[in-house]
């Protein structure tokens, strides 16, 4: 995967503004330095390069739904025939080998919903 975050927020970042900490720690400093990114004072737009290609191994849980049907013996005395408790989550976690930003252009949304359904 081409890691756009490295190109725009690290190598192409202006350190006077909101920049990633890698801008200060992993940049080229002096002749002979082996560095991941160009000089900090070089504000030219970075070209596309294979340096920003990374393996993107990830583990993601995009949604999880849990449901429980309450036993009839517990709800009969309240005049109920059935009762369900439900929990639904979206974007619970995302673990990746490629460090990138999520949710700047499109808001990153994690939601947890709980519902109670019953029938009389």
PDB file of N, CA and C in Angstrom:
ATOM      1  N   UNK A   1       0.846  -1.161   0.000  1.00  0.00           N
ATOM      2  CA  UNK A   1       0.000   0.000   0.000  1.00  0.00           C
ATOM      3  C   UNK A   1       0.898   1.233   0.000  1.00  0.00           C
ATOM      4  N   UNK A   2       0.493   2.256  -0.729  1.00  0.00           N
ATOM      5  CA  UNK A   2       1.212   3.533  -0.714  1.00  0.00           C
ATOM      6  C   UNK A   2       0.711   4.309   0.489  1.00  0.00           C
ATOM      7  N   UNK A   3       1.595   4.621   1.423  1.00  0.00           N
ATOM      8  CA  UNK A   3       1.212   5.290   2.666  1.00  0.00           C
ATOM      9  C   UNK A   3       1.215   6.807   2.456  1.00  0.00           C
ATOM     10  N   UNK A   4       0.076   7.337   2.106  1.00  0.00           N
ATOM     11  CA  UNK A   4      -0.090   8.765   1.846  1.00  0.00           C
ATOM     12  C   UNK A   4       0.209   9.605   3.087  1.00  0.00           C
ATOM     13  N   UNK A   5      -0.014   9.060   4.258  1.00  0.00           N
ATOM     14  CA  UNK A   5       0.265   9.779   5.502  1.00  0.00           C
ATOM     15  C   UNK A   5       1.749  10.139   5.599  1.00  0.00           C
ATOM     16  N   UNK A   6       2.632   9.202   5.244  1.00  0.00           N
ATOM     17  CA  UNK A   6       4.067   9.489   5.292  1.00  0.00           C
ATOM     18  C   UNK A   6       4.441  10.597   4.312  1.00  0.00           C
ATOM     19  N   UNK A   7       3.858  10.567   3.135  1.00  0.00           N
ATOM     20  CA  UNK A   7       4.189  11.566   2.115  1.00  0.00           C
ATOM     21  C   UNK A   7       3.685  12.953   2.492  1.00  0.00           C
ATOM     22  N   UNK A   8       2.488  13.045   3.000  1.00  0.00           N
ATOM     23  CA  UNK A   8       1.900  14.362   3.236  1.00  0.00           C
ATOM     24  C   UNK A   8       2.084  14.881   4.655  1.00  0.00           C
ATOM     25  N   UNK A   9       2.037  14.016   5.648  1.00  0.00           N
ATOM     26  CA  UNK A   9       2.072  14.468   7.039  1.00  0.00           C
ATOM     27  C   UNK A   9       3.446  14.337   7.695  1.00  0.00           C
ATOM     28  N   UNK A  10       4.354  13.596   7.073  1.00  0.00           N
ATOM     29  CA  UNK A  10       5.681  13.445   7.650  1.00  0.00           C
ATOM     30  C   UNK A  10       6.710  14.136   6.754  1.00  0.00           C
ATOM     31  N   UNK A  11       6.920  13.610   5.551  1.00  0.00           N
ATOM     32  CA  UNK A  11       7.945  14.204   4.695  1.00  0.00           C
ATOM     33  C   UNK A  11       7.501  15.542   4.114  1.00  0.00           C
ATOM     34  N   UNK A  12       6.251  15.703   3.810  1.00  0.00           N
ATOM     35  CA  UNK A  12       5.774  16.953   3.223  1.00  0.00           C
ATOM     36  C   UNK A  12       5.232  17.934   4.237  1.00  0.00           C
ATOM     37  N   UNK A  13       5.436  17.675   5.522  1.00  0.00           N
ATOM     38  CA  UNK A  13       4.854  18.515   6.574  1.00  0.00           C
ATOM     39  C   UNK A  13       5.696  19.749   6.850  1.00  0.00           C
ATOM     40  N   UNK A  14       5.042  20.787   7.271  1.00  0.00           N
ATOM     41  CA  UNK A  14       5.712  21.992   7.735  1.00  0.00           C
ATOM     42  C   UNK A  14       5.789  21.882   9.256  1.00  0.00           C
ATOM     43  N   UNK A  15       6.997  21.773   9.834  1.00  0.00           N
ATOM     44  CA  UNK A  15       7.128  21.544  11.275  1.00  0.00           C
ATOM     45  C   UNK A  15       6.601  22.686  12.141  1.00  0.00           C
ATOM     46  N   UNK A  16       6.336  23.841  11.554  1.00  0.00           N
ATOM     47  CA  UNK A  16       5.783  24.959  12.331  1.00  0.00           C
ATOM     48  C   UNK A  16       4.303  24.726  12.647  1.00  0.00           C
ATOM     49  N   UNK A  17       3.697  23.805  11.931  1.00  0.00           N
ATOM     50  CA  UNK A  17       2.271  23.545  12.126  1.00  0.00           C
ATOM     51  C   UNK A  17       2.092  22.149  12.709  1.00  0.00           C
ATOM     52  N   UNK A  18       0.935  21.598  12.567  1.00  0.00           N
ATOM     53  CA  UNK A  18       0.618  20.289  13.125  1.00  0.00           C
ATOM     54  C   UNK A  18       1.356  19.207  12.345  1.00  0.00           C
ATOM     55  N   UNK A  19       2.507  18.772  12.851  1.00  0.00           N
ATOM     56  CA  UNK A  19       3.318  17.772  12.166  1.00  0.00           C
ATOM     57  C   UNK A  19       3.480  16.538  13.044  1.00  0.00           C
ATOM     58  N   UNK A  20       3.730  15.437  12.395  1.00  0.00           N
ATOM     59  CA  UNK A  20       3.971  14.167  13.070  1.00  0.00           C
ATOM     60  C   UNK A  20       5.340  14.225  13.760  1.00  0.00           C
ATOM     61  N   UNK A  21       5.497  13.526  14.879  1.00  0.00           N
ATOM     62  CA  UNK A  21       6.773  13.557  15.604  1.00  0.00           C
ATOM     63  C   UNK A  21       7.924  12.992  14.778  1.00  0.00           C
ATOM     64  N   UNK A  22       7.612  12.139  13.793  1.00  0.00           N
ATOM     65  CA  UNK A  22       8.661  11.581  12.937  1.00  0.00           C
ATOM     66  C   UNK A  22       9.341  12.661  12.101  1.00  0.00           C
ATOM     67  N   UNK A  23       8.666  13.809  11.919  1.00  0.00           N
ATOM     68  CA  UNK A  23       9.259  14.922  11.184  1.00  0.00           C
ATOM     69  C   UNK A  23      10.546  15.372  11.879  1.00  0.00           C
ATOM     70  N   UNK A  24      10.538  15.359  13.200  1.00  0.00           N
ATOM     71  CA  UNK A  24      11.703  15.810  13.962  1.00  0.00           C
ATOM     72  C   UNK A  24      12.724  14.709  14.212  1.00  0.00           C
ATOM     73  N   UNK A  25      12.300  13.473  14.310  1.00  0.00           N
ATOM     74  CA  UNK A  25      13.215  12.415  14.730  1.00  0.00           C
ATOM     75  C   UNK A  25      13.852  11.610  13.594  1.00  0.00           C
ATOM     76  N   UNK A  26      13.177  11.399  12.495  1.00  0.00           N
ATOM     77  CA  UNK A  26      13.672  10.481  11.461  1.00  0.00           C
ATOM     78  C   UNK A  26      14.072  11.165  10.157  1.00  0.00           C
ATOM     79  N   UNK A  27      14.381  12.452  10.177  1.00  0.00           N
ATOM     80  CA  UNK A  27      14.710  13.165   8.941  1.00  0.00           C
ATOM     81  C   UNK A  27      16.225  13.209   8.695  1.00  0.00           C
ATOM     82  N   UNK A  28      16.577  13.591   7.485  1.00  0.00           N
ATOM     83  CA  UNK A  28      17.977  13.741   7.108  1.00  0.00           C
ATOM     84  C   UNK A  28      18.552  14.949   7.829  1.00  0.00           C
ATOM     85  N   UNK A  29      19.739  14.780   8.450  1.00  0.00           N
ATOM     86  CA  UNK A  29      20.324  15.865   9.234  1.00  0.00           C
ATOM     87  C   UNK A  29      21.624  16.388   8.634  1.00  0.00           C
ATOM     88  N   UNK A  30      22.524  15.496   8.258  1.00  0.00           N
ATOM     89  CA  UNK A  30      23.820  15.915   7.721  1.00  0.00           C
ATOM     90  C   UNK A  30      24.333  14.889   6.741  1.00  0.00           C
ATOM     91  N   UNK A  31      25.379  15.265   5.997  1.00  0.00           N
ATOM     92  CA  UNK A  31      25.972  14.407   4.981  1.00  0.00           C
ATOM     93  C   UNK A  31      26.298  13.030   5.558  1.00  0.00           C
ATOM     94  N   UNK A  32      25.892  11.976   4.875  1.00  0.00           N
ATOM     95  CA  UNK A  32      26.176  10.616   5.310  1.00  0.00           C
ATOM     96  C   UNK A  32      25.116  10.008   6.203  1.00  0.00           C
ATOM     97  N   UNK A  33      24.145  10.802   6.630  1.00  0.00           N
ATOM     98  CA  UNK A  33      23.069  10.287   7.478  1.00  0.00           C
ATOM     99  C   UNK A  33      22.159   9.381   6.656  1.00  0.00           C
ATOM    100  N   UNK A  34      21.881   8.217   7.186  1.00  0.00           N
ATOM    101  CA  UNK A  34      20.888   7.339   6.557  1.00  0.00           C
ATOM    102  C   UNK A  34      19.568   7.642   7.247  1.00  0.00           C
ATOM    103  N   UNK A  35      18.647   8.197   6.492  1.00  0.00           N
ATOM    104  CA  UNK A  35      17.380   8.643   7.089  1.00  0.00           C
ATOM    105  C   UNK A  35      16.211   8.208   6.233  1.00  0.00           C
ATOM    106  N   UNK A  36      15.054   8.145   6.857  1.00  0.00           N
ATOM    107  CA  UNK A  36      13.832   7.757   6.137  1.00  0.00           C
ATOM    108  C   UNK A  36      13.252   8.914   5.340  1.00  0.00           C
ATOM    109  N   UNK A  37      13.451  10.152   5.831  1.00  0.00           N
ATOM    110  CA  UNK A  37      12.790  11.309   5.223  1.00  0.00           C
ATOM    111  C   UNK A  37      13.797  12.398   4.899  1.00  0.00           C
ATOM    112  N   UNK A  38      13.419  13.302   4.001  1.00  0.00           N
ATOM    113  CA  UNK A  38      14.319  14.387   3.590  1.00  0.00           C
ATOM    114  C   UNK A  38      14.489  15.414   4.708  1.00  0.00           C
ATOM    115  N   UNK A  39      15.353  16.407   4.454  1.00  0.00           N
ATOM    116  CA  UNK A  39      15.646  17.438   5.456  1.00  0.00           C
ATOM    117  C   UNK A  39      14.369  18.119   5.935  1.00  0.00           C
ATOM    118  N   UNK A  40      14.373  18.545   7.177  1.00  0.00           N
ATOM    119  CA  UNK A  40      13.208  19.178   7.774  1.00  0.00           C
ATOM    120  C   UNK A  40      12.921  20.552   7.156  1.00  0.00           C
ATOM    121  N   UNK A  41      13.970  21.228   6.672  1.00  0.00           N
ATOM    122  CA  UNK A  41      13.771  22.549   6.082  1.00  0.00           C
ATOM    123  C   UNK A  41      13.471  22.496   4.585  1.00  0.00           C
ATOM    124  N   UNK A  42      13.421  21.300   4.018  1.00  0.00           N
ATOM    125  CA  UNK A  42      13.079  21.130   2.600  1.00  0.00           C
ATOM    126  C   UNK A  42      11.551  21.050   2.493  1.00  0.00           C
ATOM    127  N   UNK A  43      10.938  22.151   2.074  1.00  0.00           N
ATOM    128  CA  UNK A  43       9.469  22.216   2.024  1.00  0.00           C
ATOM    129  C   UNK A  43       8.908  21.961   0.632  1.00  0.00           C
ATOM    130  N   UNK A  44       9.737  21.444  -0.269  1.00  0.00           N
ATOM    131  CA  UNK A  44       9.224  21.120  -1.596  1.00  0.00           C
ATOM    132  C   UNK A  44       8.257  19.947  -1.496  1.00  0.00           C
ATOM    133  N   UNK A  45       7.320  19.910  -2.406  1.00  0.00           N
ATOM    134  CA  UNK A  45       6.335  18.823  -2.417  1.00  0.00           C
ATOM    135  C   UNK A  45       7.050  17.507  -2.702  1.00  0.00           C
ATOM    136  N   UNK A  46       6.834  16.494  -1.866  1.00  0.00           N
ATOM    137  CA  UNK A  46       7.511  15.205  -2.092  1.00  0.00           C
ATOM    138  C   UNK A  46       6.965  14.506  -3.329  1.00  0.00           C
ATOM    139  N   UNK A  47       7.877  13.898  -4.073  1.00  0.00           N
ATOM    140  CA  UNK A  47       7.471  13.106  -5.237  1.00  0.00           C
ATOM    141  C   UNK A  47       7.007  11.733  -4.759  1.00  0.00           C
ATOM    142  N   UNK A  48       6.196  11.087  -5.593  1.00  0.00           N
ATOM    143  CA  UNK A  48       5.822   9.714  -5.244  1.00  0.00           C
ATOM    144  C   UNK A  48       7.067   8.853  -5.339  1.00  0.00           C
ATOM    145  N   UNK A  49       7.251   8.021  -4.347  1.00  0.00           N
ATOM    146  CA  UNK A  49       8.453   7.207  -4.276  1.00  0.00           C
ATOM    147  C   UNK A  49       8.134   5.864  -3.642  1.00  0.00           C
ATOM    148  N   UNK A  50       8.956   4.875  -3.940  1.00  0.00           N
ATOM    149  CA  UNK A  50       8.739   3.541  -3.374  1.00  0.00           C
ATOM    150  C   UNK A  50       9.046   3.507  -1.878  1.00  0.00           C
ATOM    151  N   UNK A  51       9.669   4.567  -1.329  1.00  0.00           N
ATOM    152  CA  UNK A  51       9.942   4.605   0.111  1.00  0.00           C
ATOM    153  C   UNK A  51       8.665   4.584   0.927  1.00  0.00           C
ATOM    154  N   UNK A  52       7.566   5.005   0.329  1.00  0.00           N
ATOM    155  CA  UNK A  52       6.304   5.068   1.058  1.00  0.00           C
ATOM    156  C   UNK A  52       5.407   3.858   0.797  1.00  0.00           C
ATOM    157  N   UNK A  53       5.937   2.860   0.098  1.00  0.00           N
ATOM    158  CA  UNK A  53       5.202   1.606  -0.109  1.00  0.00           C
ATOM    159  C   UNK A  53       5.461   0.723   1.104  1.00  0.00           C
ATOM    160  N   UNK A  54       4.396   0.251   1.736  1.00  0.00           N
ATOM    161  CA  UNK A  54       4.522  -0.577   2.928  1.00  0.00           C
ATOM    162  C   UNK A  54       3.619  -1.797   2.833  1.00  0.00           C
ATOM    163  N   UNK A  55       4.040  -2.849   3.516  1.00  0.00           N
ATOM    164  CA  UNK A  55       3.153  -3.999   3.656  1.00  0.00           C
ATOM    165  C   UNK A  55       2.031  -3.589   4.586  1.00  0.00           C
ATOM    166  N   UNK A  56       0.833  -3.970   4.232  1.00  0.00           N
ATOM    167  CA  UNK A  56      -0.313  -3.600   5.058  1.00  0.00           C
ATOM    168  C   UNK A  56      -0.991  -4.862   5.578  1.00  0.00           C
ATOM    169  N   UNK A  57      -0.372  -5.461   6.566  1.00  0.00           N
ATOM    170  CA  UNK A  57      -0.993  -6.595   7.244  1.00  0.00           C
ATOM    171  C   UNK A  57      -1.879  -6.014   8.337  1.00  0.00           C
ATOM    172  N   UNK A  58      -3.126  -6.454   8.373  1.00  0.00           N
ATOM    173  CA  UNK A  58      -4.017  -5.870   9.373  1.00  0.00           C
ATOM    174  C   UNK A  58      -5.013  -6.881   9.912  1.00  0.00           C
ATOM    175  N   UNK A  59      -5.502  -6.559  11.083  1.00  0.00           N
ATOM    176  CA  UNK A  59      -6.566  -7.315  11.733  1.00  0.00           C
ATOM    177  C   UNK A  59      -7.633  -6.295  12.076  1.00  0.00           C
ATOM    178  N   UNK A  60      -8.836  -6.557  11.629  1.00  0.00           N
ATOM    179  CA  UNK A  60      -9.908  -5.570  11.767  1.00  0.00           C
ATOM    180  C   UNK A  60     -11.192  -6.246  12.222  1.00  0.00           C
ATOM    181  N   UNK A  61     -11.879  -5.604  13.143  1.00  0.00           N
ATOM    182  CA  UNK A  61     -13.213  -6.058  13.503  1.00  0.00           C
ATOM    183  C   UNK A  61     -14.155  -4.933  13.096  1.00  0.00           C
ATOM    184  N   UNK A  62     -14.788  -5.108  11.937  1.00  0.00           N
ATOM    185  CA  UNK A  62     -15.633  -4.044  11.404  1.00  0.00           C
ATOM    186  C   UNK A  62     -16.989  -3.998  12.092  1.00  0.00           C
ATOM    187  N   UNK A  63     -17.495  -5.144  12.530  1.00  0.00           N
ATOM    188  CA  UNK A  63     -18.748  -5.116  13.275  1.00  0.00           C
ATOM    189  C   UNK A  63     -18.871  -6.369  14.142  1.00  0.00           C
ATOM    190  N   UNK A  64     -19.616  -6.206  15.205  1.00  0.00           N
ATOM    191  CA  UNK A  64     -19.865  -7.308  16.120  1.00  0.00           C
ATOM    192  C   UNK A  64     -21.281  -7.148  16.645  1.00  0.00           C
ATOM    193  N   UNK A  65     -22.057  -8.213  16.573  1.00  0.00           N
ATOM    194  CA  UNK A  65     -23.432  -8.182  17.084  1.00  0.00           C
ATOM    195  C   UNK A  65     -23.608  -9.326  18.080  1.00  0.00           C
ATOM    196  N   UNK A  66     -24.143  -8.984  19.227  1.00  0.00           N
ATOM    197  CA  UNK A  66     -24.450  -9.977  20.256  1.00  0.00           C
ATOM    198  C   UNK A  66     -25.925  -9.856  20.595  1.00  0.00           C
ATOM    199  N   UNK A  67     -26.579 -10.998  20.738  1.00  0.00           N
ATOM    200  CA  UNK A  67     -28.003 -10.994  21.052  1.00  0.00           C
ATOM    201  C   UNK A  67     -28.270 -12.054  22.123  1.00  0.00           C
ATOM    202  N   UNK A  68     -29.179 -11.727  23.016  1.00  0.00           N
ATOM    203  CA  UNK A  68     -29.540 -12.655  24.094  1.00  0.00           C
ATOM    204  C   UNK A  68     -31.055 -12.684  24.220  1.00  0.00           C
ATOM    205  N   UNK A  69     -31.628 -13.899  24.175  1.00  0.00           N
ATOM    206  CA  UNK A  69     -33.062 -14.049  24.385  1.00  0.00           C
ATOM    207  C   UNK A  69     -33.272 -14.412  25.856  1.00  0.00           C
ATOM    208  N   UNK A  70     -33.992 -13.545  26.559  1.00  0.00           N
ATOM    209  CA  UNK A  70     -34.253 -13.755  27.984  1.00  0.00           C
ATOM    210  C   UNK A  70     -35.220 -14.937  28.114  1.00  0.00           C
ATOM    211  N   UNK A  71     -34.920 -15.878  29.006  1.00  0.00           N
ATOM    212  CA  UNK A  71     -35.806 -17.037  29.181  1.00  0.00           C
ATOM    213  C   UNK A  71     -37.233 -16.609  29.546  1.00  0.00           C
ATOM    214  N   UNK A  72     -38.202 -17.302  28.969  1.00  0.00           N
ATOM    215  CA  UNK A  72     -39.619 -16.995  29.171  1.00  0.00           C
ATOM    216  C   UNK A  72     -39.991 -17.053  30.652  1.00  0.00           C
ATOM    217  N   UNK A  73     -39.402 -17.946  31.390  1.00  0.00           N
ATOM    218  CA  UNK A  73     -39.733 -18.077  32.811  1.00  0.00           C
ATOM    219  C   UNK A  73     -39.430 -16.804  33.606  1.00  0.00           C
ATOM    220  N   UNK A  74     -38.484 -15.996  33.133  1.00  0.00           N
ATOM    221  CA  UNK A  74     -38.135 -14.755  33.831  1.00  0.00           C
ATOM    222  C   UNK A  74     -39.034 -13.579  33.461  1.00  0.00           C
ATOM    223  N   UNK A  75     -39.695 -13.649  32.299  1.00  0.00           N
ATOM    224  CA  UNK A  75     -40.468 -12.492  31.833  1.00  0.00           C
ATOM    225  C   UNK A  75     -41.980 -12.713  31.842  1.00  0.00           C
ATOM    226  N   UNK A  76     -42.442 -13.950  32.064  1.00  0.00           N
ATOM    227  CA  UNK A  76     -43.882 -14.253  32.073  1.00  0.00           C
ATOM    228  C   UNK A  76     -44.641 -13.404  33.080  1.00  0.00           C
ATOM    229  N   UNK A  77     -44.094 -13.246  34.249  1.00  0.00           N
ATOM    230  CA  UNK A  77     -44.789 -12.530  35.317  1.00  0.00           C
ATOM    231  C   UNK A  77     -45.014 -11.050  34.979  1.00  0.00           C
ATOM    232  N   UNK A  78     -44.321 -10.536  33.944  1.00  0.00           N
ATOM    233  CA  UNK A  78     -44.509  -9.148  33.501  1.00  0.00           C
ATOM    234  C   UNK A  78     -45.434  -9.059  32.286  1.00  0.00           C
ATOM    235  N   UNK A  79     -46.014 -10.186  31.876  1.00  0.00           N
ATOM    236  CA  UNK A  79     -46.930 -10.229  30.739  1.00  0.00           C
ATOM    237  C   UNK A  79     -46.220 -10.197  29.391  1.00  0.00           C
ATOM    238  N   UNK A  80     -44.971 -10.576  29.352  1.00  0.00           N
ATOM    239  CA  UNK A  80     -44.203 -10.564  28.103  1.00  0.00           C
ATOM    240  C   UNK A  80     -44.070 -11.980  27.555  1.00  0.00           C
ATOM    241  N   UNK A  81     -44.104 -12.074  26.223  1.00  0.00           N
ATOM    242  CA  UNK A  81     -43.929 -13.380  25.569  1.00  0.00           C
ATOM    243  C   UNK A  81     -42.462 -13.614  25.208  1.00  0.00           C
ATOM    244  N   UNK A  82     -41.807 -12.565  24.728  1.00  0.00           N
ATOM    245  CA  UNK A  82     -40.398 -12.655  24.338  1.00  0.00           C
ATOM    246  C   UNK A  82     -39.682 -11.362  24.682  1.00  0.00           C
ATOM    247  N   UNK A  83     -38.380 -11.497  24.956  1.00  0.00           N
ATOM    248  CA  UNK A  83     -37.567 -10.313  25.219  1.00  0.00           C
ATOM    249  C   UNK A  83     -36.139 -10.586  24.760  1.00  0.00           C
ATOM    250  N   UNK A  84     -35.593  -9.636  24.005  1.00  0.00           N
ATOM    251  CA  UNK A  84     -34.231  -9.741  23.472  1.00  0.00           C
ATOM    252  C   UNK A  84     -33.396  -8.544  23.919  1.00  0.00           C
ATOM    253  N   UNK A  85     -32.159  -8.808  24.276  1.00  0.00           N
ATOM    254  CA  UNK A  85     -31.169  -7.774  24.548  1.00  0.00           C
ATOM    255  C   UNK A  85     -30.140  -7.869  23.418  1.00  0.00           C
ATOM    256  N   UNK A  86     -29.846  -6.748  22.779  1.00  0.00           N
ATOM    257  CA  UNK A  86     -28.926  -6.777  21.640  1.00  0.00           C
ATOM    258  C   UNK A  86     -27.878  -5.679  21.769  1.00  0.00           C
ATOM    259  N   UNK A  87     -26.663  -6.013  21.359  1.00  0.00           N
ATOM    260  CA  UNK A  87     -25.554  -5.073  21.359  1.00  0.00           C
ATOM    261  C   UNK A  87     -24.903  -5.136  19.981  1.00  0.00           C
ATOM    262  N   UNK A  88     -24.689  -3.972  19.367  1.00  0.00           N
ATOM    263  CA  UNK A  88     -24.077  -3.888  18.045  1.00  0.00           C
ATOM    264  C   UNK A  88     -22.965  -2.859  18.091  1.00  0.00           C
ATOM    265  N   UNK A  89     -21.782  -3.223  17.595  1.00  0.00           N
ATOM    266  CA  UNK A  89     -20.660  -2.277  17.526  1.00  0.00           C
ATOM    267  C   UNK A  89     -20.148  -2.217  16.099  1.00  0.00           C
ATOM    268  N   UNK A  90     -19.639  -1.059  15.707  1.00  0.00           N
ATOM    269  CA  UNK A  90     -19.031  -0.865  14.388  1.00  0.00           C
ATOM    270  C   UNK A  90     -17.621  -0.318  14.571  1.00  0.00           C
ATOM    271  N   UNK A  91     -16.698  -0.796  13.740  1.00  0.00           N
ATOM    272  CA  UNK A  91     -15.292  -0.385  13.793  1.00  0.00           C
ATOM    273  C   UNK A  91     -14.726  -0.486  15.198  1.00  0.00           C
ATOM    274  N   UNK A  92     -14.832  -1.672  15.765  1.00  0.00           N
ATOM    275  CA  UNK A  92     -14.370  -1.891  17.134  1.00  0.00           C
ATOM    276  C   UNK A  92     -12.860  -1.716  17.249  1.00  0.00           C
ATOM    277  N   UNK A  93     -12.081  -2.311  16.300  1.00  0.00           N
ATOM    278  CA  UNK A  93     -10.642  -2.082  16.291  1.00  0.00           C
ATOM    279  C   UNK A  93     -10.061  -2.324  14.912  1.00  0.00           C
ATOM    280  N   UNK A  94      -8.883  -1.742  14.692  1.00  0.00           N
ATOM    281  CA  UNK A  94      -8.124  -1.883  13.446  1.00  0.00           C
ATOM    282  C   UNK A  94      -6.651  -1.847  13.830  1.00  0.00           C
ATOM    283  N   UNK A  95      -5.964  -2.966  13.662  1.00  0.00           N
ATOM    284  CA  UNK A  95      -4.544  -3.074  13.968  1.00  0.00           C
ATOM    285  C   UNK A  95      -3.819  -3.312  12.658  1.00  0.00           C
ATOM    286  N   UNK A  96      -2.809  -2.491  12.375  1.00  0.00           N
ATOM    287  CA  UNK A  96      -2.131  -2.573  11.093  1.00  0.00           C
ATOM    288  C   UNK A  96      -0.626  -2.410  11.247  1.00  0.00           C
ATOM    289  N   UNK A  97       0.136  -3.032  10.339  1.00  0.00           N
ATOM    290  CA  UNK A  97       1.589  -2.852  10.330  1.00  0.00           C
ATOM    291  C   UNK A  97       1.965  -1.511   9.722  1.00  0.00           C
ATOM    292  N   UNK A  98       1.095  -0.909   8.943  1.00  0.00           N
ATOM    293  CA  UNK A  98       1.342   0.402   8.345  1.00  0.00           C
ATOM    294  C   UNK A  98       0.693   1.473   9.216  1.00  0.00           C
ATOM    295  N   UNK A  99       1.515   2.370   9.778  1.00  0.00           N
ATOM    296  CA  UNK A  99       0.976   3.430  10.621  1.00  0.00           C
ATOM    297  C   UNK A  99       0.448   4.534   9.709  1.00  0.00           C
ATOM    298  N   UNK A 100      -0.843   4.804   9.814  1.00  0.00           N
ATOM    299  CA  UNK A 100      -1.456   5.827   8.978  1.00  0.00           C
ATOM    300  C   UNK A 100      -2.554   6.512   9.755  1.00  0.00           C
ATOM    301  N   UNK A 101      -2.985   7.637   9.240  1.00  0.00           N
ATOM    302  CA  UNK A 101      -4.069   8.360   9.894  1.00  0.00           C
ATOM    303  C   UNK A 101      -5.399   7.841   9.394  1.00  0.00           C
ATOM    304  N   UNK A 102      -6.358   7.857  10.268  1.00  0.00           N
ATOM    305  CA  UNK A 102      -7.706   7.465   9.900  1.00  0.00           C
ATOM    306  C   UNK A 102      -8.653   8.560  10.340  1.00  0.00           C
ATOM    307  N   UNK A 103      -9.514   8.996   9.437  1.00  0.00           N
ATOM    308  CA  UNK A 103     -10.579   9.889   9.836  1.00  0.00           C
ATOM    309  C   UNK A 103     -10.315  11.372   9.739  1.00  0.00           C
ATOM    310  N   UNK A 104      -9.395  11.808   8.888  1.00  0.00           N
ATOM    311  CA  UNK A 104      -9.204  13.239   8.725  1.00  0.00           C
ATOM    312  C   UNK A 104     -10.100  13.787   7.614  1.00  0.00           C
ATOM    313  N   UNK A 105     -10.093  13.137   6.469  1.00  0.00           N
ATOM    314  CA  UNK A 105     -10.941  13.582   5.367  1.00  0.00           C
ATOM    315  C   UNK A 105     -12.392  13.156   5.594  1.00  0.00           C
ATOM    316  N   UNK A 106     -12.564  11.935   6.026  1.00  0.00           N
ATOM    317  CA  UNK A 106     -13.878  11.408   6.343  1.00  0.00           C
ATOM    318  C   UNK A 106     -13.845  11.010   7.808  1.00  0.00           C
ATOM    319  N   UNK A 107     -14.729  11.547   8.619  1.00  0.00           N
ATOM    320  CA  UNK A 107     -14.666  11.273  10.064  1.00  0.00           C
ATOM    321  C   UNK A 107     -14.671   9.783  10.383  1.00  0.00           C
ATOM    322  N   UNK A 108     -13.797   9.404  11.264  1.00  0.00           N
ATOM    323  CA  UNK A 108     -13.709   8.035  11.732  1.00  0.00           C
ATOM    324  C   UNK A 108     -14.785   7.834  12.781  1.00  0.00           C
ATOM    325  N   UNK A 109     -15.652   6.892  12.544  1.00  0.00           N
ATOM    326  CA  UNK A 109     -16.810   6.727  13.412  1.00  0.00           C
ATOM    327  C   UNK A 109     -16.807   5.348  14.041  1.00  0.00           C
ATOM    328  N   UNK A 110     -16.789   5.311  15.344  1.00  0.00           N
ATOM    329  CA  UNK A 110     -16.935   4.062  16.088  1.00  0.00           C
ATOM    330  C   UNK A 110     -18.255   4.183  16.835  1.00  0.00           C
ATOM    331  N   UNK A 111     -19.095   3.183  16.719  1.00  0.00           N
ATOM    332  CA  UNK A 111     -20.394   3.275  17.389  1.00  0.00           C
ATOM    333  C   UNK A 111     -20.683   2.005  18.184  1.00  0.00           C
ATOM    334  N   UNK A 112     -21.421   2.196  19.238  1.00  0.00           N
ATOM    335  CA  UNK A 112     -21.905   1.091  20.069  1.00  0.00           C
ATOM    336  C   UNK A 112     -23.386   1.347  20.301  1.00  0.00           C
ATOM    337  N   UNK A 113     -24.205   0.364  19.977  1.00  0.00           N
ATOM    338  CA  UNK A 113     -25.645   0.512  20.123  1.00  0.00           C
ATOM    339  C   UNK A 113     -26.187  -0.631  20.995  1.00  0.00           C
ATOM    340  N   UNK A 114     -27.154  -0.300  21.812  1.00  0.00           N
ATOM    341  CA  UNK A 114     -27.799  -1.293  22.655  1.00  0.00           C
ATOM    342  C   UNK A 114     -29.292  -1.192  22.403  1.00  0.00           C
ATOM    343  N   UNK A 115     -29.958  -2.336  22.272  1.00  0.00           N
ATOM    344  CA  UNK A 115     -31.411  -2.317  22.081  1.00  0.00           C
ATOM    345  C   UNK A 115     -32.082  -3.375  22.927  1.00  0.00           C
ATOM    346  N   UNK A 116     -33.323  -3.092  23.242  1.00  0.00           N
ATOM    347  CA  UNK A 116     -34.171  -3.996  24.016  1.00  0.00           C
ATOM    348  C   UNK A 116     -35.445  -4.175  23.208  1.00  0.00           C
ATOM    349  N   UNK A 117     -35.736  -5.409  22.832  1.00  0.00           N
ATOM    350  CA  UNK A 117     -36.968  -5.698  22.081  1.00  0.00           C
ATOM    351  C   UNK A 117     -37.804  -6.682  22.882  1.00  0.00           C
ATOM    352  N   UNK A 118     -39.097  -6.446  22.878  1.00  0.00           N
ATOM    353  CA  UNK A 118     -39.988  -7.379  23.563  1.00  0.00           C
ATOM    354  C   UNK A 118     -41.328  -7.441  22.849  1.00  0.00           C
ATOM    355  N   UNK A 119     -42.044  -8.527  23.076  1.00  0.00           N
ATOM    356  CA  UNK A 119     -43.394  -8.683  22.530  1.00  0.00           C
ATOM    357  C   UNK A 119     -44.360  -9.041  23.654  1.00  0.00           C
ATOM    358  N   UNK A 120     -45.555  -8.480  23.535  1.00  0.00           N
ATOM    359  CA  UNK A 120     -46.577  -8.684  24.579  1.00  0.00           C
ATOM    360  C   UNK A 120     -47.438  -9.887  24.268  1.00  0.00           C
TER     361      UNK A 120
END
